[in-house]
Amino acid sequence: TYSGNLWTSYQLPNQLIIGGGSQY
């Protein structure tokens, strides 16, 4: 009946990218 997802990522000044998210 309900489902969804959320994802986000961020690039730091040293070009390192970290990200995470969830699925429901």
PDBML (XML) file of the C-alpha atoms, coordinates in Angstrom:
<?xml version="1.0" encoding="UTF-8" ?>
<PDBx:datablock datablockName="MODEL"
   xmlns:PDBx="http://pdbml.pdb.org/schema/pdbx-v50.xsd"
   xmlns:xsi="http://www.w3.org/2001/XMLSchema-instance"
   xsi:schemaLocation="http://pdbml.pdb.org/schema/pdbx-v50.xsd pdbx-v50.xsd">
   <PDBx:atom_siteCategory>
      <PDBx:atom_site id="1">
         <PDBx:B_iso_or_equiv>0.00</PDBx:B_iso_or_equiv>
         <PDBx:Cartn_x>0.000</PDBx:Cartn_x>
         <PDBx:Cartn_y>0.000</PDBx:Cartn_y>
         <PDBx:Cartn_z>0.000</PDBx:Cartn_z>
         <PDBx:auth_asym_id>A</PDBx:auth_asym_id>
         <PDBx:auth_atom_id>CA</PDBx:auth_atom_id>
         <PDBx:auth_comp_id>THR</PDBx:auth_comp_id>
         <PDBx:auth_seq_id>1</PDBx:auth_seq_id>
         <PDBx:group_PDB>ATOM</PDBx:group_PDB>
         <PDBx:label_alt_id xsi:nil="true" />
         <PDBx:label_asym_id>A</PDBx:label_asym_id>
         <PDBx:label_atom_id>CA</PDBx:label_atom_id>
         <PDBx:label_comp_id>THR</PDBx:label_comp_id>
         <PDBx:label_entity_id>1</PDBx:label_entity_id>
         <PDBx:label_seq_id>1</PDBx:label_seq_id>
         <PDBx:occupancy>1.00</PDBx:occupancy>
         <PDBx:pdbx_PDB_model_num>1</PDBx:pdbx_PDB_model_num>
         <PDBx:type_symbol>C</PDBx:type_symbol>
      </PDBx:atom_site>
      <PDBx:atom_site id="2">
         <PDBx:B_iso_or_equiv>0.00</PDBx:B_iso_or_equiv>
         <PDBx:Cartn_x>2.847</PDBx:Cartn_x>
         <PDBx:Cartn_y>2.366</PDBx:Cartn_y>
         <PDBx:Cartn_z>0.877</PDBx:Cartn_z>
         <PDBx:auth_asym_id>A</PDBx:auth_asym_id>
         <PDBx:auth_atom_id>CA</PDBx:auth_atom_id>
         <PDBx:auth_comp_id>TYR</PDBx:auth_comp_id>
         <PDBx:auth_seq_id>2</PDBx:auth_seq_id>
         <PDBx:group_PDB>ATOM</PDBx:group_PDB>
         <PDBx:label_alt_id xsi:nil="true" />
         <PDBx:label_asym_id>A</PDBx:label_asym_id>
         <PDBx:label_atom_id>CA</PDBx:label_atom_id>
         <PDBx:label_comp_id>TYR</PDBx:label_comp_id>
         <PDBx:label_entity_id>1</PDBx:label_entity_id>
         <PDBx:label_seq_id>2</PDBx:label_seq_id>
         <PDBx:occupancy>1.00</PDBx:occupancy>
         <PDBx:pdbx_PDB_model_num>1</PDBx:pdbx_PDB_model_num>
         <PDBx:type_symbol>C</PDBx:type_symbol>
      </PDBx:atom_site>
      <PDBx:atom_site id="3">
         <PDBx:B_iso_or_equiv>0.00</PDBx:B_iso_or_equiv>
         <PDBx:Cartn_x>6.422</PDBx:Cartn_x>
         <PDBx:Cartn_y>2.419</PDBx:Cartn_y>
         <PDBx:Cartn_z>-0.386</PDBx:Cartn_z>
         <PDBx:auth_asym_id>A</PDBx:auth_asym_id>
         <PDBx:auth_atom_id>CA</PDBx:auth_atom_id>
         <PDBx:auth_comp_id>SER</PDBx:auth_comp_id>
         <PDBx:auth_seq_id>3</PDBx:auth_seq_id>
         <PDBx:group_PDB>ATOM</PDBx:group_PDB>
         <PDBx:label_alt_id xsi:nil="true" />
         <PDBx:label_asym_id>A</PDBx:label_asym_id>
         <PDBx:label_atom_id>CA</PDBx:label_atom_id>
         <PDBx:label_comp_id>SER</PDBx:label_comp_id>
         <PDBx:label_entity_id>1</PDBx:label_entity_id>
         <PDBx:label_seq_id>3</PDBx:label_seq_id>
         <PDBx:occupancy>1.00</PDBx:occupancy>
         <PDBx:pdbx_PDB_model_num>1</PDBx:pdbx_PDB_model_num>
         <PDBx:type_symbol>C</PDBx:type_symbol>
      </PDBx:atom_site>
      <PDBx:atom_site id="4">
         <PDBx:B_iso_or_equiv>0.00</PDBx:B_iso_or_equiv>
         <PDBx:Cartn_x>9.156</PDBx:Cartn_x>
         <PDBx:Cartn_y>4.946</PDBx:Cartn_y>
         <PDBx:Cartn_z>-0.929</PDBx:Cartn_z>
         <PDBx:auth_asym_id>A</PDBx:auth_asym_id>
         <PDBx:auth_atom_id>CA</PDBx:auth_atom_id>
         <PDBx:auth_comp_id>GLY</PDBx:auth_comp_id>
         <PDBx:auth_seq_id>4</PDBx:auth_seq_id>
         <PDBx:group_PDB>ATOM</PDBx:group_PDB>
         <PDBx:label_alt_id xsi:nil="true" />
         <PDBx:label_asym_id>A</PDBx:label_asym_id>
         <PDBx:label_atom_id>CA</PDBx:label_atom_id>
         <PDBx:label_comp_id>GLY</PDBx:label_comp_id>
         <PDBx:label_entity_id>1</PDBx:label_entity_id>
         <PDBx:label_seq_id>4</PDBx:label_seq_id>
         <PDBx:occupancy>1.00</PDBx:occupancy>
         <PDBx:pdbx_PDB_model_num>1</PDBx:pdbx_PDB_model_num>
         <PDBx:type_symbol>C</PDBx:type_symbol>
      </PDBx:atom_site>
      <PDBx:atom_site id="5">
         <PDBx:B_iso_or_equiv>0.00</PDBx:B_iso_or_equiv>
         <PDBx:Cartn_x>12.844</PDBx:Cartn_x>
         <PDBx:Cartn_y>5.710</PDBx:Cartn_y>
         <PDBx:Cartn_z>-1.068</PDBx:Cartn_z>
         <PDBx:auth_asym_id>A</PDBx:auth_asym_id>
         <PDBx:auth_atom_id>CA</PDBx:auth_atom_id>
         <PDBx:auth_comp_id>ASN</PDBx:auth_comp_id>
         <PDBx:auth_seq_id>5</PDBx:auth_seq_id>
         <PDBx:group_PDB>ATOM</PDBx:group_PDB>
         <PDBx:label_alt_id xsi:nil="true" />
         <PDBx:label_asym_id>A</PDBx:label_asym_id>
         <PDBx:label_atom_id>CA</PDBx:label_atom_id>
         <PDBx:label_comp_id>ASN</PDBx:label_comp_id>
         <PDBx:label_entity_id>1</PDBx:label_entity_id>
         <PDBx:label_seq_id>5</PDBx:label_seq_id>
         <PDBx:occupancy>1.00</PDBx:occupancy>
         <PDBx:pdbx_PDB_model_num>1</PDBx:pdbx_PDB_model_num>
         <PDBx:type_symbol>C</PDBx:type_symbol>
      </PDBx:atom_site>
      <PDBx:atom_site id="6">
         <PDBx:B_iso_or_equiv>0.00</PDBx:B_iso_or_equiv>
         <PDBx:Cartn_x>15.182</PDBx:Cartn_x>
         <PDBx:Cartn_y>8.546</PDBx:Cartn_y>
         <PDBx:Cartn_z>-0.206</PDBx:Cartn_z>
         <PDBx:auth_asym_id>A</PDBx:auth_asym_id>
         <PDBx:auth_atom_id>CA</PDBx:auth_atom_id>
         <PDBx:auth_comp_id>LEU</PDBx:auth_comp_id>
         <PDBx:auth_seq_id>6</PDBx:auth_seq_id>
         <PDBx:group_PDB>ATOM</PDBx:group_PDB>
         <PDBx:label_alt_id xsi:nil="true" />
         <PDBx:label_asym_id>A</PDBx:label_asym_id>
         <PDBx:label_atom_id>CA</PDBx:label_atom_id>
         <PDBx:label_comp_id>LEU</PDBx:label_comp_id>
         <PDBx:label_entity_id>1</PDBx:label_entity_id>
         <PDBx:label_seq_id>6</PDBx:label_seq_id>
         <PDBx:occupancy>1.00</PDBx:occupancy>
         <PDBx:pdbx_PDB_model_num>1</PDBx:pdbx_PDB_model_num>
         <PDBx:type_symbol>C</PDBx:type_symbol>
      </PDBx:atom_site>
      <PDBx:atom_site id="7">
         <PDBx:B_iso_or_equiv>0.00</PDBx:B_iso_or_equiv>
         <PDBx:Cartn_x>18.798</PDBx:Cartn_x>
         <PDBx:Cartn_y>9.010</PDBx:Cartn_y>
         <PDBx:Cartn_z>-1.306</PDBx:Cartn_z>
         <PDBx:auth_asym_id>A</PDBx:auth_asym_id>
         <PDBx:auth_atom_id>CA</PDBx:auth_atom_id>
         <PDBx:auth_comp_id>TRP</PDBx:auth_comp_id>
         <PDBx:auth_seq_id>7</PDBx:auth_seq_id>
         <PDBx:group_PDB>ATOM</PDBx:group_PDB>
         <PDBx:label_alt_id xsi:nil="true" />
         <PDBx:label_asym_id>A</PDBx:label_asym_id>
         <PDBx:label_atom_id>CA</PDBx:label_atom_id>
         <PDBx:label_comp_id>TRP</PDBx:label_comp_id>
         <PDBx:label_entity_id>1</PDBx:label_entity_id>
         <PDBx:label_seq_id>7</PDBx:label_seq_id>
         <PDBx:occupancy>1.00</PDBx:occupancy>
         <PDBx:pdbx_PDB_model_num>1</PDBx:pdbx_PDB_model_num>
         <PDBx:type_symbol>C</PDBx:type_symbol>
      </PDBx:atom_site>
      <PDBx:atom_site id="8">
         <PDBx:B_iso_or_equiv>0.00</PDBx:B_iso_or_equiv>
         <PDBx:Cartn_x>21.246</PDBx:Cartn_x>
         <PDBx:Cartn_y>11.839</PDBx:Cartn_y>
         <PDBx:Cartn_z>-0.670</PDBx:Cartn_z>
         <PDBx:auth_asym_id>A</PDBx:auth_asym_id>
         <PDBx:auth_atom_id>CA</PDBx:auth_atom_id>
         <PDBx:auth_comp_id>THR</PDBx:auth_comp_id>
         <PDBx:auth_seq_id>8</PDBx:auth_seq_id>
         <PDBx:group_PDB>ATOM</PDBx:group_PDB>
         <PDBx:label_alt_id xsi:nil="true" />
         <PDBx:label_asym_id>A</PDBx:label_asym_id>
         <PDBx:label_atom_id>CA</PDBx:label_atom_id>
         <PDBx:label_comp_id>THR</PDBx:label_comp_id>
         <PDBx:label_entity_id>1</PDBx:label_entity_id>
         <PDBx:label_seq_id>8</PDBx:label_seq_id>
         <PDBx:occupancy>1.00</PDBx:occupancy>
         <PDBx:pdbx_PDB_model_num>1</PDBx:pdbx_PDB_model_num>
         <PDBx:type_symbol>C</PDBx:type_symbol>
      </PDBx:atom_site>
      <PDBx:atom_site id="9">
         <PDBx:B_iso_or_equiv>0.00</PDBx:B_iso_or_equiv>
         <PDBx:Cartn_x>24.924</PDBx:Cartn_x>
         <PDBx:Cartn_y>12.397</PDBx:Cartn_y>
         <PDBx:Cartn_z>-1.375</PDBx:Cartn_z>
         <PDBx:auth_asym_id>A</PDBx:auth_asym_id>
         <PDBx:auth_atom_id>CA</PDBx:auth_atom_id>
         <PDBx:auth_comp_id>SER</PDBx:auth_comp_id>
         <PDBx:auth_seq_id>9</PDBx:auth_seq_id>
         <PDBx:group_PDB>ATOM</PDBx:group_PDB>
         <PDBx:label_alt_id xsi:nil="true" />
         <PDBx:label_asym_id>A</PDBx:label_asym_id>
         <PDBx:label_atom_id>CA</PDBx:label_atom_id>
         <PDBx:label_comp_id>SER</PDBx:label_comp_id>
         <PDBx:label_entity_id>1</PDBx:label_entity_id>
         <PDBx:label_seq_id>9</PDBx:label_seq_id>
         <PDBx:occupancy>1.00</PDBx:occupancy>
         <PDBx:pdbx_PDB_model_num>1</PDBx:pdbx_PDB_model_num>
         <PDBx:type_symbol>C</PDBx:type_symbol>
      </PDBx:atom_site>
      <PDBx:atom_site id="10">
         <PDBx:B_iso_or_equiv>0.00</PDBx:B_iso_or_equiv>
         <PDBx:Cartn_x>27.321</PDBx:Cartn_x>
         <PDBx:Cartn_y>15.213</PDBx:Cartn_y>
         <PDBx:Cartn_z>-0.592</PDBx:Cartn_z>
         <PDBx:auth_asym_id>A</PDBx:auth_asym_id>
         <PDBx:auth_atom_id>CA</PDBx:auth_atom_id>
         <PDBx:auth_comp_id>TYR</PDBx:auth_comp_id>
         <PDBx:auth_seq_id>10</PDBx:auth_seq_id>
         <PDBx:group_PDB>ATOM</PDBx:group_PDB>
         <PDBx:label_alt_id xsi:nil="true" />
         <PDBx:label_asym_id>A</PDBx:label_asym_id>
         <PDBx:label_atom_id>CA</PDBx:label_atom_id>
         <PDBx:label_comp_id>TYR</PDBx:label_comp_id>
         <PDBx:label_entity_id>1</PDBx:label_entity_id>
         <PDBx:label_seq_id>10</PDBx:label_seq_id>
         <PDBx:occupancy>1.00</PDBx:occupancy>
         <PDBx:pdbx_PDB_model_num>1</PDBx:pdbx_PDB_model_num>
         <PDBx:type_symbol>C</PDBx:type_symbol>
      </PDBx:atom_site>
      <PDBx:atom_site id="11">
         <PDBx:B_iso_or_equiv>0.00</PDBx:B_iso_or_equiv>
         <PDBx:Cartn_x>30.688</PDBx:Cartn_x>
         <PDBx:Cartn_y>16.136</PDBx:Cartn_y>
         <PDBx:Cartn_z>-2.095</PDBx:Cartn_z>
         <PDBx:auth_asym_id>A</PDBx:auth_asym_id>
         <PDBx:auth_atom_id>CA</PDBx:auth_atom_id>
         <PDBx:auth_comp_id>GLN</PDBx:auth_comp_id>
         <PDBx:auth_seq_id>11</PDBx:auth_seq_id>
         <PDBx:group_PDB>ATOM</PDBx:group_PDB>
         <PDBx:label_alt_id xsi:nil="true" />
         <PDBx:label_asym_id>A</PDBx:label_asym_id>
         <PDBx:label_atom_id>CA</PDBx:label_atom_id>
         <PDBx:label_comp_id>GLN</PDBx:label_comp_id>
         <PDBx:label_entity_id>1</PDBx:label_entity_id>
         <PDBx:label_seq_id>11</PDBx:label_seq_id>
         <PDBx:occupancy>1.00</PDBx:occupancy>
         <PDBx:pdbx_PDB_model_num>1</PDBx:pdbx_PDB_model_num>
         <PDBx:type_symbol>C</PDBx:type_symbol>
      </PDBx:atom_site>
      <PDBx:atom_site id="12">
         <PDBx:B_iso_or_equiv>0.00</PDBx:B_iso_or_equiv>
         <PDBx:Cartn_x>33.206</PDBx:Cartn_x>
         <PDBx:Cartn_y>17.426</PDBx:Cartn_y>
         <PDBx:Cartn_z>0.439</PDBx:Cartn_z>
         <PDBx:auth_asym_id>A</PDBx:auth_asym_id>
         <PDBx:auth_atom_id>CA</PDBx:auth_atom_id>
         <PDBx:auth_comp_id>LEU</PDBx:auth_comp_id>
         <PDBx:auth_seq_id>12</PDBx:auth_seq_id>
         <PDBx:group_PDB>ATOM</PDBx:group_PDB>
         <PDBx:label_alt_id xsi:nil="true" />
         <PDBx:label_asym_id>A</PDBx:label_asym_id>
         <PDBx:label_atom_id>CA</PDBx:label_atom_id>
         <PDBx:label_comp_id>LEU</PDBx:label_comp_id>
         <PDBx:label_entity_id>1</PDBx:label_entity_id>
         <PDBx:label_seq_id>12</PDBx:label_seq_id>
         <PDBx:occupancy>1.00</PDBx:occupancy>
         <PDBx:pdbx_PDB_model_num>1</PDBx:pdbx_PDB_model_num>
         <PDBx:type_symbol>C</PDBx:type_symbol>
      </PDBx:atom_site>
      <PDBx:atom_site id="13">
         <PDBx:B_iso_or_equiv>0.00</PDBx:B_iso_or_equiv>
         <PDBx:Cartn_x>35.806</PDBx:Cartn_x>
         <PDBx:Cartn_y>20.108</PDBx:Cartn_y>
         <PDBx:Cartn_z>-0.382</PDBx:Cartn_z>
         <PDBx:auth_asym_id>A</PDBx:auth_asym_id>
         <PDBx:auth_atom_id>CA</PDBx:auth_atom_id>
         <PDBx:auth_comp_id>PRO</PDBx:auth_comp_id>
         <PDBx:auth_seq_id>13</PDBx:auth_seq_id>
         <PDBx:group_PDB>ATOM</PDBx:group_PDB>
         <PDBx:label_alt_id xsi:nil="true" />
         <PDBx:label_asym_id>A</PDBx:label_asym_id>
         <PDBx:label_atom_id>CA</PDBx:label_atom_id>
         <PDBx:label_comp_id>PRO</PDBx:label_comp_id>
         <PDBx:label_entity_id>1</PDBx:label_entity_id>
         <PDBx:label_seq_id>13</PDBx:label_seq_id>
         <PDBx:occupancy>1.00</PDBx:occupancy>
         <PDBx:pdbx_PDB_model_num>1</PDBx:pdbx_PDB_model_num>
         <PDBx:type_symbol>C</PDBx:type_symbol>
      </PDBx:atom_site>
      <PDBx:atom_site id="14">
         <PDBx:B_iso_or_equiv>0.00</PDBx:B_iso_or_equiv>
         <PDBx:Cartn_x>38.443</PDBx:Cartn_x>
         <PDBx:Cartn_y>17.388</PDBx:Cartn_y>
         <PDBx:Cartn_z>-0.861</PDBx:Cartn_z>
         <PDBx:auth_asym_id>A</PDBx:auth_asym_id>
         <PDBx:auth_atom_id>CA</PDBx:auth_atom_id>
         <PDBx:auth_comp_id>ASN</PDBx:auth_comp_id>
         <PDBx:auth_seq_id>14</PDBx:auth_seq_id>
         <PDBx:group_PDB>ATOM</PDBx:group_PDB>
         <PDBx:label_alt_id xsi:nil="true" />
         <PDBx:label_asym_id>A</PDBx:label_asym_id>
         <PDBx:label_atom_id>CA</PDBx:label_atom_id>
         <PDBx:label_comp_id>ASN</PDBx:label_comp_id>
         <PDBx:label_entity_id>1</PDBx:label_entity_id>
         <PDBx:label_seq_id>14</PDBx:label_seq_id>
         <PDBx:occupancy>1.00</PDBx:occupancy>
         <PDBx:pdbx_PDB_model_num>1</PDBx:pdbx_PDB_model_num>
         <PDBx:type_symbol>C</PDBx:type_symbol>
      </PDBx:atom_site>
      <PDBx:atom_site id="15">
         <PDBx:B_iso_or_equiv>0.00</PDBx:B_iso_or_equiv>
         <PDBx:Cartn_x>36.226</PDBx:Cartn_x>
         <PDBx:Cartn_y>15.823</PDBx:Cartn_y>
         <PDBx:Cartn_z>-3.608</PDBx:Cartn_z>
         <PDBx:auth_asym_id>A</PDBx:auth_asym_id>
         <PDBx:auth_atom_id>CA</PDBx:auth_atom_id>
         <PDBx:auth_comp_id>GLN</PDBx:auth_comp_id>
         <PDBx:auth_seq_id>15</PDBx:auth_seq_id>
         <PDBx:group_PDB>ATOM</PDBx:group_PDB>
         <PDBx:label_alt_id xsi:nil="true" />
         <PDBx:label_asym_id>A</PDBx:label_asym_id>
         <PDBx:label_atom_id>CA</PDBx:label_atom_id>
         <PDBx:label_comp_id>GLN</PDBx:label_comp_id>
         <PDBx:label_entity_id>1</PDBx:label_entity_id>
         <PDBx:label_seq_id>15</PDBx:label_seq_id>
         <PDBx:occupancy>1.00</PDBx:occupancy>
         <PDBx:pdbx_PDB_model_num>1</PDBx:pdbx_PDB_model_num>
         <PDBx:type_symbol>C</PDBx:type_symbol>
      </PDBx:atom_site>
      <PDBx:atom_site id="16">
         <PDBx:B_iso_or_equiv>0.00</PDBx:B_iso_or_equiv>
         <PDBx:Cartn_x>35.260</PDBx:Cartn_x>
         <PDBx:Cartn_y>12.873</PDBx:Cartn_y>
         <PDBx:Cartn_z>-1.397</PDBx:Cartn_z>
         <PDBx:auth_asym_id>A</PDBx:auth_asym_id>
         <PDBx:auth_atom_id>CA</PDBx:auth_atom_id>
         <PDBx:auth_comp_id>LEU</PDBx:auth_comp_id>
         <PDBx:auth_seq_id>16</PDBx:auth_seq_id>
         <PDBx:group_PDB>ATOM</PDBx:group_PDB>
         <PDBx:label_alt_id xsi:nil="true" />
         <PDBx:label_asym_id>A</PDBx:label_asym_id>
         <PDBx:label_atom_id>CA</PDBx:label_atom_id>
         <PDBx:label_comp_id>LEU</PDBx:label_comp_id>
         <PDBx:label_entity_id>1</PDBx:label_entity_id>
         <PDBx:label_seq_id>16</PDBx:label_seq_id>
         <PDBx:occupancy>1.00</PDBx:occupancy>
         <PDBx:pdbx_PDB_model_num>1</PDBx:pdbx_PDB_model_num>
         <PDBx:type_symbol>C</PDBx:type_symbol>
      </PDBx:atom_site>
      <PDBx:atom_site id="17">
         <PDBx:B_iso_or_equiv>0.00</PDBx:B_iso_or_equiv>
         <PDBx:Cartn_x>31.592</PDBx:Cartn_x>
         <PDBx:Cartn_y>11.930</PDBx:Cartn_y>
         <PDBx:Cartn_z>-1.934</PDBx:Cartn_z>
         <PDBx:auth_asym_id>A</PDBx:auth_asym_id>
         <PDBx:auth_atom_id>CA</PDBx:auth_atom_id>
         <PDBx:auth_comp_id>ILE</PDBx:auth_comp_id>
         <PDBx:auth_seq_id>17</PDBx:auth_seq_id>
         <PDBx:group_PDB>ATOM</PDBx:group_PDB>
         <PDBx:label_alt_id xsi:nil="true" />
         <PDBx:label_asym_id>A</PDBx:label_asym_id>
         <PDBx:label_atom_id>CA</PDBx:label_atom_id>
         <PDBx:label_comp_id>ILE</PDBx:label_comp_id>
         <PDBx:label_entity_id>1</PDBx:label_entity_id>
         <PDBx:label_seq_id>17</PDBx:label_seq_id>
         <PDBx:occupancy>1.00</PDBx:occupancy>
         <PDBx:pdbx_PDB_model_num>1</PDBx:pdbx_PDB_model_num>
         <PDBx:type_symbol>C</PDBx:type_symbol>
      </PDBx:atom_site>
      <PDBx:atom_site id="18">
         <PDBx:B_iso_or_equiv>0.00</PDBx:B_iso_or_equiv>
         <PDBx:Cartn_x>29.587</PDBx:Cartn_x>
         <PDBx:Cartn_y>10.347</PDBx:Cartn_y>
         <PDBx:Cartn_z>0.867</PDBx:Cartn_z>
         <PDBx:auth_asym_id>A</PDBx:auth_asym_id>
         <PDBx:auth_atom_id>CA</PDBx:auth_atom_id>
         <PDBx:auth_comp_id>ILE</PDBx:auth_comp_id>
         <PDBx:auth_seq_id>18</PDBx:auth_seq_id>
         <PDBx:group_PDB>ATOM</PDBx:group_PDB>
         <PDBx:label_alt_id xsi:nil="true" />
         <PDBx:label_asym_id>A</PDBx:label_asym_id>
         <PDBx:label_atom_id>CA</PDBx:label_atom_id>
         <PDBx:label_comp_id>ILE</PDBx:label_comp_id>
         <PDBx:label_entity_id>1</PDBx:label_entity_id>
         <PDBx:label_seq_id>18</PDBx:label_seq_id>
         <PDBx:occupancy>1.00</PDBx:occupancy>
         <PDBx:pdbx_PDB_model_num>1</PDBx:pdbx_PDB_model_num>
         <PDBx:type_symbol>C</PDBx:type_symbol>
      </PDBx:atom_site>
      <PDBx:atom_site id="19">
         <PDBx:B_iso_or_equiv>0.00</PDBx:B_iso_or_equiv>
         <PDBx:Cartn_x>26.015</PDBx:Cartn_x>
         <PDBx:Cartn_y>9.218</PDBx:Cartn_y>
         <PDBx:Cartn_z>0.495</PDBx:Cartn_z>
         <PDBx:auth_asym_id>A</PDBx:auth_asym_id>
         <PDBx:auth_atom_id>CA</PDBx:auth_atom_id>
         <PDBx:auth_comp_id>GLY</PDBx:auth_comp_id>
         <PDBx:auth_seq_id>19</PDBx:auth_seq_id>
         <PDBx:group_PDB>ATOM</PDBx:group_PDB>
         <PDBx:label_alt_id xsi:nil="true" />
         <PDBx:label_asym_id>A</PDBx:label_asym_id>
         <PDBx:label_atom_id>CA</PDBx:label_atom_id>
         <PDBx:label_comp_id>GLY</PDBx:label_comp_id>
         <PDBx:label_entity_id>1</PDBx:label_entity_id>
         <PDBx:label_seq_id>19</PDBx:label_seq_id>
         <PDBx:occupancy>1.00</PDBx:occupancy>
         <PDBx:pdbx_PDB_model_num>1</PDBx:pdbx_PDB_model_num>
         <PDBx:type_symbol>C</PDBx:type_symbol>
      </PDBx:atom_site>
      <PDBx:atom_site id="20">
         <PDBx:B_iso_or_equiv>0.00</PDBx:B_iso_or_equiv>
         <PDBx:Cartn_x>23.270</PDBx:Cartn_x>
         <PDBx:Cartn_y>7.156</PDBx:Cartn_y>
         <PDBx:Cartn_z>1.999</PDBx:Cartn_z>
         <PDBx:auth_asym_id>A</PDBx:auth_asym_id>
         <PDBx:auth_atom_id>CA</PDBx:auth_atom_id>
         <PDBx:auth_comp_id>GLY</PDBx:auth_comp_id>
         <PDBx:auth_seq_id>20</PDBx:auth_seq_id>
         <PDBx:group_PDB>ATOM</PDBx:group_PDB>
         <PDBx:label_alt_id xsi:nil="true" />
         <PDBx:label_asym_id>A</PDBx:label_asym_id>
         <PDBx:label_atom_id>CA</PDBx:label_atom_id>
         <PDBx:label_comp_id>GLY</PDBx:label_comp_id>
         <PDBx:label_entity_id>1</PDBx:label_entity_id>
         <PDBx:label_seq_id>20</PDBx:label_seq_id>
         <PDBx:occupancy>1.00</PDBx:occupancy>
         <PDBx:pdbx_PDB_model_num>1</PDBx:pdbx_PDB_model_num>
         <PDBx:type_symbol>C</PDBx:type_symbol>
      </PDBx:atom_site>
      <PDBx:atom_site id="21">
         <PDBx:B_iso_or_equiv>0.00</PDBx:B_iso_or_equiv>
         <PDBx:Cartn_x>19.629</PDBx:Cartn_x>
         <PDBx:Cartn_y>6.343</PDBx:Cartn_y>
         <PDBx:Cartn_z>1.673</PDBx:Cartn_z>
         <PDBx:auth_asym_id>A</PDBx:auth_asym_id>
         <PDBx:auth_atom_id>CA</PDBx:auth_atom_id>
         <PDBx:auth_comp_id>GLY</PDBx:auth_comp_id>
         <PDBx:auth_seq_id>21</PDBx:auth_seq_id>
         <PDBx:group_PDB>ATOM</PDBx:group_PDB>
         <PDBx:label_alt_id xsi:nil="true" />
         <PDBx:label_asym_id>A</PDBx:label_asym_id>
         <PDBx:label_atom_id>CA</PDBx:label_atom_id>
         <PDBx:label_comp_id>GLY</PDBx:label_comp_id>
         <PDBx:label_entity_id>1</PDBx:label_entity_id>
         <PDBx:label_seq_id>21</PDBx:label_seq_id>
         <PDBx:occupancy>1.00</PDBx:occupancy>
         <PDBx:pdbx_PDB_model_num>1</PDBx:pdbx_PDB_model_num>
         <PDBx:type_symbol>C</PDBx:type_symbol>
      </PDBx:atom_site>
      <PDBx:atom_site id="22">
         <PDBx:B_iso_or_equiv>0.00</PDBx:B_iso_or_equiv>
         <PDBx:Cartn_x>16.749</PDBx:Cartn_x>
         <PDBx:Cartn_y>4.140</PDBx:Cartn_y>
         <PDBx:Cartn_z>2.629</PDBx:Cartn_z>
         <PDBx:auth_asym_id>A</PDBx:auth_asym_id>
         <PDBx:auth_atom_id>CA</PDBx:auth_atom_id>
         <PDBx:auth_comp_id>SER</PDBx:auth_comp_id>
         <PDBx:auth_seq_id>22</PDBx:auth_seq_id>
         <PDBx:group_PDB>ATOM</PDBx:group_PDB>
         <PDBx:label_alt_id xsi:nil="true" />
         <PDBx:label_asym_id>A</PDBx:label_asym_id>
         <PDBx:label_atom_id>CA</PDBx:label_atom_id>
         <PDBx:label_comp_id>SER</PDBx:label_comp_id>
         <PDBx:label_entity_id>1</PDBx:label_entity_id>
         <PDBx:label_seq_id>22</PDBx:label_seq_id>
         <PDBx:occupancy>1.00</PDBx:occupancy>
         <PDBx:pdbx_PDB_model_num>1</PDBx:pdbx_PDB_model_num>
         <PDBx:type_symbol>C</PDBx:type_symbol>
      </PDBx:atom_site>
      <PDBx:atom_site id="23">
         <PDBx:B_iso_or_equiv>0.00</PDBx:B_iso_or_equiv>
         <PDBx:Cartn_x>14.019</PDBx:Cartn_x>
         <PDBx:Cartn_y>2.107</PDBx:Cartn_y>
         <PDBx:Cartn_z>0.950</PDBx:Cartn_z>
         <PDBx:auth_asym_id>A</PDBx:auth_asym_id>
         <PDBx:auth_atom_id>CA</PDBx:auth_atom_id>
         <PDBx:auth_comp_id>GLN</PDBx:auth_comp_id>
         <PDBx:auth_seq_id>23</PDBx:auth_seq_id>
         <PDBx:group_PDB>ATOM</PDBx:group_PDB>
         <PDBx:label_alt_id xsi:nil="true" />
         <PDBx:label_asym_id>A</PDBx:label_asym_id>
         <PDBx:label_atom_id>CA</PDBx:label_atom_id>
         <PDBx:label_comp_id>GLN</PDBx:label_comp_id>
         <PDBx:label_entity_id>1</PDBx:label_entity_id>
         <PDBx:label_seq_id>23</PDBx:label_seq_id>
         <PDBx:occupancy>1.00</PDBx:occupancy>
         <PDBx:pdbx_PDB_model_num>1</PDBx:pdbx_PDB_model_num>
         <PDBx:type_symbol>C</PDBx:type_symbol>
      </PDBx:atom_site>
      <PDBx:atom_site id="24">
         <PDBx:B_iso_or_equiv>0.00</PDBx:B_iso_or_equiv>
         <PDBx:Cartn_x>10.671</PDBx:Cartn_x>
         <PDBx:Cartn_y>1.422</PDBx:Cartn_y>
         <PDBx:Cartn_z>2.602</PDBx:Cartn_z>
         <PDBx:auth_asym_id>A</PDBx:auth_asym_id>
         <PDBx:auth_atom_id>CA</PDBx:auth_atom_id>
         <PDBx:auth_comp_id>TYR</PDBx:auth_comp_id>
         <PDBx:auth_seq_id>24</PDBx:auth_seq_id>
         <PDBx:group_PDB>ATOM</PDBx:group_PDB>
         <PDBx:label_alt_id xsi:nil="true" />
         <PDBx:label_asym_id>A</PDBx:label_asym_id>
         <PDBx:label_atom_id>CA</PDBx:label_atom_id>
         <PDBx:label_comp_id>TYR</PDBx:label_comp_id>
         <PDBx:label_entity_id>1</PDBx:label_entity_id>
         <PDBx:label_seq_id>24</PDBx:label_seq_id>
         <PDBx:occupancy>1.00</PDBx:occupancy>
         <PDBx:pdbx_PDB_model_num>1</PDBx:pdbx_PDB_model_num>
         <PDBx:type_symbol>C</PDBx:type_symbol>
      </PDBx:atom_site>
   </PDBx:atom_siteCategory>
</PDBx:datablock>
